[in-house]
């Protein structure tokens, strides 16, 4: 489970016209940017701290998120 390290607004892509950083079914490596959380006008890139496959995206684009709120479910690579 990837959780929010800060309180802010969740964004799946760098801009409204761009594709999301990560999609369900996508394999991600450690260090891959998964989303952005805006906090006090600062854009904080949230990276995966594990390698695996994204199985769920819990937060919605533009939704406020709390500290510790789950953002992504990841099945660990074997």
Protein backbone atom coordinates (compact mmCIF):
# COMPACT_ATOMS: atom_id res chain seq x y z
CA UNK A 1 0.00 0.00 0.00
CA UNK A 2 1.32 3.42 -0.93
CA UNK A 3 -0.03 6.07 1.44
CA UNK A 4 0.07 9.84 1.44
CA UNK A 5 3.06 11.27 3.31
CA UNK A 6 1.40 14.72 3.55
CA UNK A 7 -1.95 16.50 3.50
CA UNK A 8 -2.80 18.06 0.14
CA UNK A 9 -4.53 17.67 -3.21
CA UNK A 10 -3.94 14.46 -5.20
CA UNK A 11 -3.16 14.64 -8.94
CA UNK A 12 -2.63 11.58 -11.14
CA UNK A 13 -0.88 13.49 -13.96
CA UNK A 14 1.43 16.51 -14.30
CA UNK A 15 -1.26 18.50 -16.16
CA UNK A 16 -4.95 18.04 -17.10
CA UNK A 17 -3.99 17.18 -20.71
CA UNK A 18 -1.33 14.62 -19.75
CA UNK A 19 -1.67 10.87 -19.24
CA UNK A 20 -1.60 9.61 -15.64
CA UNK A 21 1.80 8.80 -14.15
CA UNK A 22 0.60 5.25 -13.35
CA UNK A 23 -2.36 3.04 -14.30
CA UNK A 24 -3.88 -0.13 -12.83
CA UNK A 25 -2.08 -3.16 -14.31
CA UNK A 26 1.16 -1.25 -14.89
CA UNK A 27 4.41 -2.58 -13.48
CA UNK A 28 6.36 0.03 -11.56
CA UNK A 29 9.94 0.14 -10.40
CA UNK A 30 11.18 1.54 -7.14
CA UNK A 31 11.51 5.32 -7.55
CA UNK A 32 8.83 5.66 -10.29
CA UNK A 33 6.65 8.75 -9.85
CA UNK A 34 3.07 7.66 -9.14
CA UNK A 35 1.33 10.98 -8.52
CA UNK A 36 1.69 14.55 -7.32
CA UNK A 37 0.32 15.95 -4.08
CA UNK A 38 0.00 19.72 -3.98
CA UNK A 39 0.51 21.21 -0.54
CA UNK A 40 0.70 24.97 0.03
CA UNK A 41 1.33 25.60 -3.69
CA UNK A 42 4.25 23.14 -3.75
CA UNK A 43 4.02 20.13 -6.07
CA UNK A 44 5.37 17.04 -4.27
CA UNK A 45 6.12 14.03 -6.47
CA UNK A 46 5.22 10.77 -4.74
CA UNK A 47 7.42 7.86 -5.79
CA UNK A 48 6.97 4.13 -5.41
CA UNK A 49 9.12 2.72 -2.65
CA UNK A 50 8.62 -0.84 -3.93
CA UNK A 51 8.71 -2.75 -7.22
CA UNK A 52 5.50 -4.41 -8.39
CA UNK A 53 2.17 -4.09 -10.21
CA UNK A 54 -0.45 -1.45 -9.48
CA UNK A 55 -3.69 -3.21 -8.56
CA UNK A 56 -5.75 -0.25 -7.31
CA UNK A 57 -5.88 3.55 -7.34
CA UNK A 58 -7.85 4.71 -4.30
CA UNK A 59 -7.70 8.51 -4.53
CA UNK A 60 -9.50 10.48 -7.24
CA UNK A 61 -7.83 13.17 -9.30
CA UNK A 62 -8.18 16.60 -7.66
CA UNK A 63 -9.37 15.07 -4.37
CA UNK A 64 -7.98 16.27 -1.03
CA UNK A 65 -6.01 13.56 0.77
CA UNK A 66 -4.96 13.23 4.40
CA UNK A 67 -1.68 12.08 5.89
CA UNK A 68 -1.61 8.26 5.85
CA UNK A 69 -4.55 7.93 3.42
CA UNK A 70 -4.08 5.08 0.97
CA UNK A 71 -3.34 6.16 -2.60
CA UNK A 72 -2.27 3.01 -4.48
CA UNK A 73 -2.38 -0.72 -3.93
CA UNK A 74 0.69 -2.51 -5.30
CA UNK A 75 1.25 -6.27 -5.62
CA UNK A 76 4.93 -6.80 -4.86
CA UNK A 77 7.16 -8.29 -7.55
CA UNK A 78 8.24 -11.85 -6.85
